[in-house]
Amino acid sequence: MIEWNRLAELRAEIGAEALADVAALFLEEADEVVARIAAGPPDSRLEAELHFLKGSALNLGLKDLSALCQEGERRAGQGDGAGVDLGRIVAVYRASKAAFLGALAKGDAA
């Protein structure tokens, strides 16, 4: 679900404090995007919102979420937004967030 090595690389590149700030910003913005995705049927913003989640998730090592968003972004870009499994994306985001926050609380991630 999470590539802990990617987080270790990022922590080495920018420092633990900056990583915590980046993670907090991602989670804040991602919560808003996921809430919009979960709230209703796909709309014209779906491709862009999945693109944002994909890139941010990949940067933080959330590989499962990133892969789902990549597939969803591809489908939405082909006009098949209704075929994107938004429920799965939301569920994986929530599980990834819980694992990430749990690791942060224990000091394992940052």
PDB file of N, CA and C in Angstrom:
ATOM      1  N   MET A   1       0.819  -1.191   0.000  1.00  0.00           N
ATOM      2  CA  MET A   1       0.000   0.000   0.000  1.00  0.00           C
ATOM      3  C   MET A   1       0.865   1.258   0.000  1.00  0.00           C
ATOM      4  N   ILE A   2       1.888   1.265   0.844  1.00  0.00           N
ATOM      5  CA  ILE A   2       2.759   2.438   0.939  1.00  0.00           C
ATOM      6  C   ILE A   2       4.200   2.000   0.717  1.00  0.00           C
ATOM      7  N   GLU A   3       4.906   2.717  -0.119  1.00  0.00           N
ATOM      8  CA  GLU A   3       6.327   2.466  -0.331  1.00  0.00           C
ATOM      9  C   GLU A   3       7.108   3.277   0.699  1.00  0.00           C
ATOM     10  N   TRP A   4       7.456   2.623   1.795  1.00  0.00           N
ATOM     11  CA  TRP A   4       8.139   3.322   2.876  1.00  0.00           C
ATOM     12  C   TRP A   4       9.516   3.808   2.433  1.00  0.00           C
ATOM     13  N   ASN A   5      10.134   3.099   1.489  1.00  0.00           N
ATOM     14  CA  ASN A   5      11.431   3.554   0.977  1.00  0.00           C
ATOM     15  C   ASN A   5      11.308   4.910   0.291  1.00  0.00           C
ATOM     16  N   ARG A   6      10.201   5.133  -0.413  1.00  0.00           N
ATOM     17  CA  ARG A   6       9.988   6.432  -1.067  1.00  0.00           C
ATOM     18  C   ARG A   6       9.893   7.537  -0.025  1.00  0.00           C
ATOM     19  N   LEU A   7       9.216   7.258   1.073  1.00  0.00           N
ATOM     20  CA  LEU A   7       9.123   8.263   2.143  1.00  0.00           C
ATOM     21  C   LEU A   7      10.486   8.527   2.765  1.00  0.00           C
ATOM     22  N   ALA A   8      11.279   7.475   2.927  1.00  0.00           N
ATOM     23  CA  ALA A   8      12.623   7.654   3.480  1.00  0.00           C
ATOM     24  C   ALA A   8      13.473   8.513   2.545  1.00  0.00           C
ATOM     25  N   GLU A   9      13.348   8.280   1.226  1.00  0.00           N
ATOM     26  CA  GLU A   9      14.073   9.100   0.250  1.00  0.00           C
ATOM     27  C   GLU A   9      13.637  10.560   0.337  1.00  0.00           C
ATOM     28  N   LEU A  10      12.344  10.765   0.398  1.00  0.00           N
ATOM     29  CA  LEU A  10      11.822  12.126   0.467  1.00  0.00           C
ATOM     30  C   LEU A  10      12.275  12.815   1.749  1.00  0.00           C
ATOM     31  N   ARG A  11      12.249  12.078   2.859  1.00  0.00           N
ATOM     32  CA  ARG A  11      12.709  12.641   4.134  1.00  0.00           C
ATOM     33  C   ARG A  11      14.182  13.025   4.038  1.00  0.00           C
ATOM     34  N   ALA A  12      14.989  12.190   3.372  1.00  0.00           N
ATOM     35  CA  ALA A  12      16.413  12.487   3.212  1.00  0.00           C
ATOM     36  C   ALA A  12      16.624  13.711   2.320  1.00  0.00           C
ATOM     37  N   GLU A  13      15.767  13.880   1.323  1.00  0.00           N
ATOM     38  CA  GLU A  13      15.892  15.002   0.393  1.00  0.00           C
ATOM     39  C   GLU A  13      15.475  16.330   1.011  1.00  0.00           C
ATOM     40  N   ILE A  14      14.355  16.327   1.748  1.00  0.00           N
ATOM     41  CA  ILE A  14      13.800  17.605   2.211  1.00  0.00           C
ATOM     42  C   ILE A  14      13.793  17.764   3.725  1.00  0.00           C
ATOM     43  N   GLY A  15      14.072  16.699   4.463  1.00  0.00           N
ATOM     44  CA  GLY A  15      14.080  16.762   5.914  1.00  0.00           C
ATOM     45  C   GLY A  15      12.749  16.337   6.512  1.00  0.00           C
ATOM     46  N   ALA A  16      12.807  15.892   7.754  1.00  0.00           N
ATOM     47  CA  ALA A  16      11.621  15.362   8.427  1.00  0.00           C
ATOM     48  C   ALA A  16      10.542  16.422   8.618  1.00  0.00           C
ATOM     49  N   GLU A  17      10.947  17.630   8.986  1.00  0.00           N
ATOM     50  CA  GLU A  17       9.958  18.689   9.219  1.00  0.00           C
ATOM     51  C   GLU A  17       9.236  19.063   7.927  1.00  0.00           C
ATOM     52  N   ALA A  18       9.994  19.211   6.854  1.00  0.00           N
ATOM     53  CA  ALA A  18       9.381  19.544   5.563  1.00  0.00           C
ATOM     54  C   ALA A  18       8.494  18.404   5.078  1.00  0.00           C
ATOM     55  N   LEU A  19       8.906  17.159   5.315  1.00  0.00           N
ATOM     56  CA  LEU A  19       8.079  16.017   4.927  1.00  0.00           C
ATOM     57  C   LEU A  19       6.750  16.051   5.669  1.00  0.00           C
ATOM     58  N   ALA A  20       6.791  16.354   6.944  1.00  0.00           N
ATOM     59  CA  ALA A  20       5.552  16.444   7.720  1.00  0.00           C
ATOM     60  C   ALA A  20       4.651  17.547   7.165  1.00  0.00           C
ATOM     61  N   ASP A  21       5.248  18.671   6.779  1.00  0.00           N
ATOM     62  CA  ASP A  21       4.469  19.770   6.191  1.00  0.00           C
ATOM     63  C   ASP A  21       3.860  19.368   4.850  1.00  0.00           C
ATOM     64  N   VAL A  22       4.660  18.713   4.010  1.00  0.00           N
ATOM     65  CA  VAL A  22       4.178  18.255   2.702  1.00  0.00           C
ATOM     66  C   VAL A  22       3.048  17.251   2.882  1.00  0.00           C
ATOM     67  N   ALA A  23       3.231  16.324   3.807  1.00  0.00           N
ATOM     68  CA  ALA A  23       2.207  15.309   4.056  1.00  0.00           C
ATOM     69  C   ALA A  23       0.914  15.949   4.551  1.00  0.00           C
ATOM     70  N   ALA A  24       1.030  16.908   5.452  1.00  0.00           N
ATOM     71  CA  ALA A  24      -0.164  17.582   5.973  1.00  0.00           C
ATOM     72  C   ALA A  24      -0.899  18.324   4.862  1.00  0.00           C
ATOM     73  N   LEU A  25      -0.157  19.000   3.997  1.00  0.00           N
ATOM     74  CA  LEU A  25      -0.771  19.720   2.882  1.00  0.00           C
ATOM     75  C   LEU A  25      -1.446  18.746   1.921  1.00  0.00           C
ATOM     76  N   PHE A  26      -0.758  17.651   1.591  1.00  0.00           N
ATOM     77  CA  PHE A  26      -1.360  16.649   0.714  1.00  0.00           C
ATOM     78  C   PHE A  26      -2.655  16.121   1.306  1.00  0.00           C
ATOM     79  N   LEU A  27      -2.629  15.736   2.575  1.00  0.00           N
ATOM     80  CA  LEU A  27      -3.820  15.160   3.195  1.00  0.00           C
ATOM     81  C   LEU A  27      -4.968  16.163   3.229  1.00  0.00           C
ATOM     82  N   GLU A  28      -4.664  17.415   3.488  1.00  0.00           N
ATOM     83  CA  GLU A  28      -5.709  18.443   3.500  1.00  0.00           C
ATOM     84  C   GLU A  28      -6.344  18.587   2.114  1.00  0.00           C
ATOM     85  N   GLU A  29      -5.502  18.719   1.108  1.00  0.00           N
ATOM     86  CA  GLU A  29      -6.018  18.876  -0.256  1.00  0.00           C
ATOM     87  C   GLU A  29      -6.680  17.598  -0.755  1.00  0.00           C
ATOM     88  N   ALA A  30      -6.090  16.457  -0.447  1.00  0.00           N
ATOM     89  CA  ALA A  30      -6.652  15.178  -0.891  1.00  0.00           C
ATOM     90  C   ALA A  30      -7.998  14.914  -0.232  1.00  0.00           C
ATOM     91  N   ASP A  31      -8.140  15.279   1.039  1.00  0.00           N
ATOM     92  CA  ASP A  31      -9.435  15.118   1.709  1.00  0.00           C
ATOM     93  C   ASP A  31     -10.530  15.859   0.949  1.00  0.00           C
ATOM     94  N   GLU A  32     -10.221  17.068   0.488  1.00  0.00           N
ATOM     95  CA  GLU A  32     -11.205  17.859  -0.265  1.00  0.00           C
ATOM     96  C   GLU A  32     -11.552  17.190  -1.591  1.00  0.00           C
ATOM     97  N   VAL A  33     -10.540  16.717  -2.305  1.00  0.00           N
ATOM     98  CA  VAL A  33     -10.772  16.060  -3.595  1.00  0.00           C
ATOM     99  C   VAL A  33     -11.563  14.773  -3.400  1.00  0.00           C
ATOM    100  N   VAL A  34     -11.174  13.972  -2.424  1.00  0.00           N
ATOM    101  CA  VAL A  34     -11.863  12.705  -2.172  1.00  0.00           C
ATOM    102  C   VAL A  34     -13.306  12.959  -1.754  1.00  0.00           C
ATOM    103  N   ALA A  35     -13.547  14.005  -0.981  1.00  0.00           N
ATOM    104  CA  ALA A  35     -14.924  14.342  -0.596  1.00  0.00           C
ATOM    105  C   ALA A  35     -15.756  14.680  -1.828  1.00  0.00           C
ATOM    106  N   ARG A  36     -15.176  15.426  -2.759  1.00  0.00           N
ATOM    107  CA  ARG A  36     -15.908  15.749  -3.992  1.00  0.00           C
ATOM    108  C   ARG A  36     -16.169  14.495  -4.819  1.00  0.00           C
ATOM    109  N   ILE A  37     -15.175  13.639  -4.917  1.00  0.00           N
ATOM    110  CA  ILE A  37     -15.328  12.398  -5.686  1.00  0.00           C
ATOM    111  C   ILE A  37     -16.411  11.525  -5.068  1.00  0.00           C
ATOM    112  N   ALA A  38     -16.404  11.431  -3.742  1.00  0.00           N
ATOM    113  CA  ALA A  38     -17.357  10.564  -3.045  1.00  0.00           C
ATOM    114  C   ALA A  38     -18.769  11.129  -3.045  1.00  0.00           C
ATOM    115  N   ALA A  39     -18.901  12.437  -3.240  1.00  0.00           N
ATOM    116  CA  ALA A  39     -20.196  13.103  -3.090  1.00  0.00           C
ATOM    117  C   ALA A  39     -21.169  12.862  -4.227  1.00  0.00           C
ATOM    118  N   GLY A  40     -20.670  12.527  -5.380  1.00  0.00           N
ATOM    119  CA  GLY A  40     -21.629  12.405  -6.460  1.00  0.00           C
ATOM    120  C   GLY A  40     -21.062  11.780  -7.700  1.00  0.00           C
ATOM    121  N   PRO A  41     -21.868  11.780  -8.725  1.00  0.00           N
ATOM    122  CA  PRO A  41     -21.433  11.166  -9.975  1.00  0.00           C
ATOM    123  C   PRO A  41     -20.262  11.934 -10.591  1.00  0.00           C
ATOM    124  N   PRO A  42     -19.487  11.243 -11.413  1.00  0.00           N
ATOM    125  CA  PRO A  42     -18.338  11.897 -12.046  1.00  0.00           C
ATOM    126  C   PRO A  42     -18.761  13.118 -12.856  1.00  0.00           C
ATOM    127  N   ASP A  43     -17.919  14.132 -12.831  1.00  0.00           N
ATOM    128  CA  ASP A  43     -18.190  15.316 -13.638  1.00  0.00           C
ATOM    129  C   ASP A  43     -16.954  15.666 -14.453  1.00  0.00           C
ATOM    130  N   SER A  44     -16.964  16.816 -15.046  1.00  0.00           N
ATOM    131  CA  SER A  44     -15.880  17.216 -15.947  1.00  0.00           C
ATOM    132  C   SER A  44     -14.537  17.388 -15.236  1.00  0.00           C
ATOM    133  N   ARG A  45     -14.546  17.491 -13.910  1.00  0.00           N
ATOM    134  CA  ARG A  45     -13.297  17.671 -13.155  1.00  0.00           C
ATOM    135  C   ARG A  45     -12.622  16.360 -12.792  1.00  0.00           C
ATOM    136  N   LEU A  46     -13.288  15.234 -13.032  1.00  0.00           N
ATOM    137  CA  LEU A  46     -12.789  13.950 -12.534  1.00  0.00           C
ATOM    138  C   LEU A  46     -11.375  13.650 -13.019  1.00  0.00           C
ATOM    139  N   GLU A  47     -11.118  13.806 -14.296  1.00  0.00           N
ATOM    140  CA  GLU A  47      -9.788  13.494 -14.828  1.00  0.00           C
ATOM    141  C   GLU A  47      -8.717  14.329 -14.123  1.00  0.00           C
ATOM    142  N   ALA A  48      -8.948  15.623 -13.974  1.00  0.00           N
ATOM    143  CA  ALA A  48      -7.975  16.507 -13.325  1.00  0.00           C
ATOM    144  C   ALA A  48      -7.812  16.163 -11.846  1.00  0.00           C
ATOM    145  N   GLU A  49      -8.903  15.832 -11.182  1.00  0.00           N
ATOM    146  CA  GLU A  49      -8.806  15.510  -9.755  1.00  0.00           C
ATOM    147  C   GLU A  49      -8.055  14.198  -9.540  1.00  0.00           C
ATOM    148  N   LEU A  50      -8.296  13.227 -10.399  1.00  0.00           N
ATOM    149  CA  LEU A  50      -7.559  11.969 -10.293  1.00  0.00           C
ATOM    150  C   LEU A  50      -6.087  12.173 -10.640  1.00  0.00           C
ATOM    151  N   HIS A  51      -5.807  13.067 -11.571  1.00  0.00           N
ATOM    152  CA  HIS A  51      -4.417  13.389 -11.914  1.00  0.00           C
ATOM    153  C   HIS A  51      -3.701  13.984 -10.698  1.00  0.00           C
ATOM    154  N   PHE A  52      -4.356  14.904 -10.015  1.00  0.00           N
ATOM    155  CA  PHE A  52      -3.775  15.492  -8.801  1.00  0.00           C
ATOM    156  C   PHE A  52      -3.502  14.420  -7.753  1.00  0.00           C
ATOM    157  N   LEU A  53      -4.507  13.583  -7.474  1.00  0.00           N
ATOM    158  CA  LEU A  53      -4.331  12.536  -6.468  1.00  0.00           C
ATOM    159  C   LEU A  53      -3.219  11.577  -6.859  1.00  0.00           C
ATOM    160  N   LYS A  54      -3.178  11.199  -8.125  1.00  0.00           N
ATOM    161  CA  LYS A  54      -2.161  10.266  -8.613  1.00  0.00           C
ATOM    162  C   LYS A  54      -0.761  10.801  -8.352  1.00  0.00           C
ATOM    163  N   GLY A  55      -0.504  12.017  -8.784  1.00  0.00           N
ATOM    164  CA  GLY A  55       0.827  12.592  -8.641  1.00  0.00           C
ATOM    165  C   GLY A  55       1.233  12.793  -7.197  1.00  0.00           C
ATOM    166  N   SER A  56       0.335  13.314  -6.410  1.00  0.00           N
ATOM    167  CA  SER A  56       0.641  13.553  -5.000  1.00  0.00           C
ATOM    168  C   SER A  56       0.842  12.242  -4.257  1.00  0.00           C
ATOM    169  N   ALA A  57      -0.011  11.274  -4.537  1.00  0.00           N
ATOM    170  CA  ALA A  57       0.109   9.969  -3.885  1.00  0.00           C
ATOM    171  C   ALA A  57       1.432   9.312  -4.257  1.00  0.00           C
ATOM    172  N   LEU A  58       1.814   9.401  -5.507  1.00  0.00           N
ATOM    173  CA  LEU A  58       3.070   8.804  -5.960  1.00  0.00           C
ATOM    174  C   LEU A  58       4.259   9.443  -5.254  1.00  0.00           C
ATOM    175  N   ASN A  59       4.236  10.762  -5.107  1.00  0.00           N
ATOM    176  CA  ASN A  59       5.327  11.459  -4.422  1.00  0.00           C
ATOM    177  C   ASN A  59       5.478  11.019  -2.978  1.00  0.00           C
ATOM    178  N   LEU A  60       4.373  10.654  -2.337  1.00  0.00           N
ATOM    179  CA  LEU A  60       4.424  10.237  -0.935  1.00  0.00           C
ATOM    180  C   LEU A  60       4.490   8.724  -0.771  1.00  0.00           C
ATOM    181  N   GLY A  61       4.633   8.005  -1.876  1.00  0.00           N
ATOM    182  CA  GLY A  61       4.785   6.560  -1.785  1.00  0.00           C
ATOM    183  C   GLY A  61       3.493   5.786  -1.643  1.00  0.00           C
ATOM    184  N   LEU A  62       2.358   6.431  -1.890  1.00  0.00           N
ATOM    185  CA  LEU A  62       1.063   5.746  -1.783  1.00  0.00           C
ATOM    186  C   LEU A  62       0.775   5.058  -3.116  1.00  0.00           C
ATOM    187  N   LYS A  63       1.473   3.950  -3.351  1.00  0.00           N
ATOM    188  CA  LYS A  63       1.499   3.336  -4.682  1.00  0.00           C
ATOM    189  C   LYS A  63       0.167   2.754  -5.109  1.00  0.00           C
ATOM    190  N   ASP A  64      -0.578   2.134  -4.212  1.00  0.00           N
ATOM    191  CA  ASP A  64      -1.868   1.553  -4.594  1.00  0.00           C
ATOM    192  C   ASP A  64      -2.852   2.643  -5.003  1.00  0.00           C
ATOM    193  N   LEU A  65      -2.889   3.703  -4.231  1.00  0.00           N
ATOM    194  CA  LEU A  65      -3.767   4.822  -4.559  1.00  0.00           C
ATOM    195  C   LEU A  65      -3.363   5.441  -5.890  1.00  0.00           C
ATOM    196  N   SER A  66      -2.079   5.631  -6.083  1.00  0.00           N
ATOM    197  CA  SER A  66      -1.604   6.223  -7.327  1.00  0.00           C
ATOM    198  C   SER A  66      -1.991   5.372  -8.533  1.00  0.00           C
ATOM    199  N   ALA A  67      -1.850   4.061  -8.415  1.00  0.00           N
ATOM    200  CA  ALA A  67      -2.190   3.165  -9.529  1.00  0.00           C
ATOM    201  C   ALA A  67      -3.679   3.225  -9.858  1.00  0.00           C
ATOM    202  N   LEU A  68      -4.522   3.232  -8.837  1.00  0.00           N
ATOM    203  CA  LEU A  68      -5.964   3.336  -9.073  1.00  0.00           C
ATOM    204  C   LEU A  68      -6.328   4.667  -9.724  1.00  0.00           C
ATOM    205  N   CYS A  69      -5.711   5.724  -9.262  1.00  0.00           N
ATOM    206  CA  CYS A  69      -5.988   7.042  -9.835  1.00  0.00           C
ATOM    207  C   CYS A  69      -5.505   7.122 -11.277  1.00  0.00           C
ATOM    208  N   GLN A  70      -4.378   6.489 -11.570  1.00  0.00           N
ATOM    209  CA  GLN A  70      -3.875   6.487 -12.943  1.00  0.00           C
ATOM    210  C   GLN A  70      -4.871   5.806 -13.873  1.00  0.00           C
ATOM    211  N   GLU A  71      -5.378   4.652 -13.459  1.00  0.00           N
ATOM    212  CA  GLU A  71      -6.369   3.944 -14.274  1.00  0.00           C
ATOM    213  C   GLU A  71      -7.648   4.776 -14.409  1.00  0.00           C
ATOM    214  N   GLY A  72      -8.092   5.373 -13.309  1.00  0.00           N
ATOM    215  CA  GLY A  72      -9.288   6.209 -13.357  1.00  0.00           C
ATOM    216  C   GLY A  72      -9.104   7.428 -14.237  1.00  0.00           C
ATOM    217  N   GLU A  73      -7.935   8.040 -14.148  1.00  0.00           N
ATOM    218  CA  GLU A  73      -7.636   9.205 -14.984  1.00  0.00           C
ATOM    219  C   GLU A  73      -7.679   8.816 -16.463  1.00  0.00           C
ATOM    220  N   ARG A  74      -7.120   7.662 -16.782  1.00  0.00           N
ATOM    221  CA  ARG A  74      -7.122   7.190 -18.171  1.00  0.00           C
ATOM    222  C   ARG A  74      -8.545   6.992 -18.669  1.00  0.00           C
ATOM    223  N   ARG A  75      -9.361   6.327 -17.853  1.00  0.00           N
ATOM    224  CA  ARG A  75     -10.750   6.072 -18.251  1.00  0.00           C
ATOM    225  C   ARG A  75     -11.526   7.379 -18.394  1.00  0.00           C
ATOM    226  N   ALA A  76     -11.360   8.266 -17.427  1.00  0.00           N
ATOM    227  CA  ALA A  76     -12.072   9.549 -17.487  1.00  0.00           C
ATOM    228  C   ALA A  76     -11.645  10.332 -18.725  1.00  0.00           C
ATOM    229  N   GLY A  77     -10.367  10.273 -19.055  1.00  0.00           N
ATOM    230  CA  GLY A  77      -9.866  10.965 -20.230  1.00  0.00           C
ATOM    231  C   GLY A  77     -10.413  10.414 -21.533  1.00  0.00           C
ATOM    232  N   GLN A  78     -10.848   9.153 -21.491  1.00  0.00           N
ATOM    233  CA  GLN A  78     -11.447   8.516 -22.665  1.00  0.00           C
ATOM    234  C   GLN A  78     -12.964   8.668 -22.675  1.00  0.00           C
ATOM    235  N   GLY A  79     -13.470   9.464 -21.739  1.00  0.00           N
ATOM    236  CA  GLY A  79     -14.910   9.703 -21.690  1.00  0.00           C
ATOM    237  C   GLY A  79     -15.694   8.665 -20.917  1.00  0.00           C
ATOM    238  N   ASP A  80     -15.006   7.816 -20.156  1.00  0.00           N
ATOM    239  CA  ASP A  80     -15.671   6.758 -19.395  1.00  0.00           C
ATOM    240  C   ASP A  80     -15.585   7.031 -17.898  1.00  0.00           C
ATOM    241  N   GLY A  81     -15.925   8.251 -17.489  1.00  0.00           N
ATOM    242  CA  GLY A  81     -15.900   8.585 -16.069  1.00  0.00           C
ATOM    243  C   GLY A  81     -16.814   7.708 -15.243  1.00  0.00           C
ATOM    244  N   ALA A  82     -17.921   7.279 -15.834  1.00  0.00           N
ATOM    245  CA  ALA A  82     -18.857   6.414 -15.113  1.00  0.00           C
ATOM    246  C   ALA A  82     -18.253   5.044 -14.837  1.00  0.00           C
ATOM    247  N   GLY A  83     -17.235   4.650 -15.603  1.00  0.00           N
ATOM    248  CA  GLY A  83     -16.599   3.354 -15.410  1.00  0.00           C
ATOM    249  C   GLY A  83     -15.493   3.359 -14.374  1.00  0.00           C
ATOM    250  N   VAL A  84     -15.195   4.518 -13.811  1.00  0.00           N
ATOM    251  CA  VAL A  84     -14.152   4.623 -12.791  1.00  0.00           C
ATOM    252  C   VAL A  84     -14.726   4.150 -11.457  1.00  0.00           C
ATOM    253  N   ASP A  85     -14.011   3.256 -10.789  1.00  0.00           N
ATOM    254  CA  ASP A  85     -14.468   2.724  -9.505  1.00  0.00           C
ATOM    255  C   ASP A  85     -14.120   3.721  -8.393  1.00  0.00           C
ATOM    256  N   LEU A  86     -14.967   4.732  -8.271  1.00  0.00           N
ATOM    257  CA  LEU A  86     -14.711   5.793  -7.293  1.00  0.00           C
ATOM    258  C   LEU A  86     -14.766   5.279  -5.862  1.00  0.00           C
ATOM    259  N   GLY A  87     -15.647   4.327  -5.603  1.00  0.00           N
ATOM    260  CA  GLY A  87     -15.734   3.761  -4.258  1.00  0.00           C
ATOM    261  C   GLY A  87     -14.432   3.111  -3.836  1.00  0.00           C
ATOM    262  N   ARG A  88     -13.803   2.410  -4.752  1.00  0.00           N
ATOM    263  CA  ARG A  88     -12.514   1.768  -4.447  1.00  0.00           C
ATOM    264  C   ARG A  88     -11.431   2.822  -4.232  1.00  0.00           C
ATOM    265  N   ILE A  89     -11.421   3.844  -5.056  1.00  0.00           N
ATOM    266  CA  ILE A  89     -10.424   4.908  -4.887  1.00  0.00           C
ATOM    267  C   ILE A  89     -10.583   5.564  -3.517  1.00  0.00           C
ATOM    268  N   VAL A  90     -11.809   5.855  -3.136  1.00  0.00           N
ATOM    269  CA  VAL A  90     -12.066   6.468  -1.827  1.00  0.00           C
ATOM    270  C   VAL A  90     -11.630   5.527  -0.707  1.00  0.00           C
ATOM    271  N   ALA A  91     -11.965   4.245  -0.821  1.00  0.00           N
ATOM    272  CA  ALA A  91     -11.602   3.272   0.222  1.00  0.00           C
ATOM    273  C   ALA A  91     -10.087   3.133   0.347  1.00  0.00           C
ATOM    274  N   VAL A  92      -9.390   3.060  -0.774  1.00  0.00           N
ATOM    275  CA  VAL A  92      -7.932   2.926  -0.734  1.00  0.00           C
ATOM    276  C   VAL A  92      -7.300   4.206  -0.193  1.00  0.00           C
ATOM    277  N   TYR A  93      -7.859   5.353  -0.537  1.00  0.00           N
ATOM    278  CA  TYR A  93      -7.347   6.607   0.027  1.00  0.00           C
ATOM    279  C   TYR A  93      -7.475   6.588   1.550  1.00  0.00           C
ATOM    280  N   ARG A  94      -8.634   6.224   2.029  1.00  0.00           N
ATOM    281  CA  ARG A  94      -8.857   6.218   3.483  1.00  0.00           C
ATOM    282  C   ARG A  94      -7.937   5.228   4.189  1.00  0.00           C
ATOM    283  N   ALA A  95      -7.756   4.044   3.606  1.00  0.00           N
ATOM    284  CA  ALA A  95      -6.866   3.047   4.205  1.00  0.00           C
ATOM    285  C   ALA A  95      -5.413   3.527   4.165  1.00  0.00           C
ATOM    286  N   SER A  96      -5.011   4.124   3.057  1.00  0.00           N
ATOM    287  CA  SER A  96      -3.649   4.648   2.931  1.00  0.00           C
ATOM    288  C   SER A  96      -3.411   5.774   3.927  1.00  0.00           C
ATOM    289  N   LYS A  97      -4.390   6.645   4.058  1.00  0.00           N
ATOM    290  CA  LYS A  97      -4.283   7.763   5.000  1.00  0.00           C
ATOM    291  C   LYS A  97      -4.149   7.241   6.427  1.00  0.00           C
ATOM    292  N   ALA A  98      -4.953   6.249   6.784  1.00  0.00           N
ATOM    293  CA  ALA A  98      -4.890   5.688   8.136  1.00  0.00           C
ATOM    294  C   ALA A  98      -3.521   5.061   8.403  1.00  0.00           C
ATOM    295  N   ALA A  99      -3.001   4.309   7.437  1.00  0.00           N
ATOM    296  CA  ALA A  99      -1.687   3.687   7.605  1.00  0.00           C
ATOM    297  C   ALA A  99      -0.596   4.748   7.708  1.00  0.00           C
ATOM    298  N   PHE A 100      -0.696   5.765   6.875  1.00  0.00           N
ATOM    299  CA  PHE A 100       0.289   6.841   6.867  1.00  0.00           C
ATOM    300  C   PHE A 100       0.272   7.598   8.193  1.00  0.00           C
ATOM    301  N   LEU A 101      -0.916   7.971   8.650  1.00  0.00           N
ATOM    302  CA  LEU A 101      -1.027   8.702   9.917  1.00  0.00           C
ATOM    303  C   LEU A 101      -0.580   7.846  11.095  1.00  0.00           C
ATOM    304  N   GLY A 102      -0.882   6.554  11.040  1.00  0.00           N
ATOM    305  CA  GLY A 102      -0.423   5.648  12.088  1.00  0.00           C
ATOM    306  C   GLY A 102       1.094   5.601  12.156  1.00  0.00           C
ATOM    307  N   ALA A 103       1.730   5.554  10.993  1.00  0.00           N
ATOM    308  CA  ALA A 103       3.191   5.545  10.948  1.00  0.00           C
ATOM    309  C   ALA A 103       3.761   6.873  11.435  1.00  0.00           C
ATOM    310  N   LEU A 104       3.119   7.977  11.057  1.00  0.00           N
ATOM    311  CA  LEU A 104       3.573   9.285  11.542  1.00  0.00           C
ATOM    312  C   LEU A 104       3.479   9.368  13.060  1.00  0.00           C
ATOM    313  N   ALA A 105       2.385   8.859  13.607  1.00  0.00           N
ATOM    314  CA  ALA A 105       2.187   8.914  15.058  1.00  0.00           C
ATOM    315  C   ALA A 105       3.261   8.117  15.801  1.00  0.00           C
ATOM    316  N   LYS A 106       3.713   7.029  15.176  1.00  0.00           N
ATOM    317  CA  LYS A 106       4.756   6.203  15.788  1.00  0.00           C
ATOM    318  C   LYS A 106       6.156   6.697  15.445  1.00  0.00           C
ATOM    319  N   GLY A 107       6.224   7.690  14.556  1.00  0.00           N
ATOM    320  CA  GLY A 107       7.520   8.204  14.146  1.00  0.00           C
ATOM    321  C   GLY A 107       8.182   7.388  13.058  1.00  0.00           C
ATOM    322  N   ASP A 108       7.431   6.483  12.425  1.00  0.00           N
ATOM    323  CA  ASP A 108       8.006   5.614  11.398  1.00  0.00           C
ATOM    324  C   ASP A 108       8.095   6.276  10.034  1.00  0.00           C
ATOM    325  N   ALA A 109       7.231   7.246   9.733  1.00  0.00           N
ATOM    326  CA  ALA A 109       7.186   7.817   8.386  1.00  0.00           C
ATOM    327  C   ALA A 109       7.993   9.102   8.270  1.00  0.00           C
ATOM    328  N   ALA A 110       7.995   9.891   9.279  1.00  0.00           N
ATOM    329  CA  ALA A 110       8.722  11.168   9.205  1.00  0.00           C
ATOM    330  C   ALA A 110       9.488  11.370  10.437  1.00  0.00           C
TER     331      ALA A 110
END
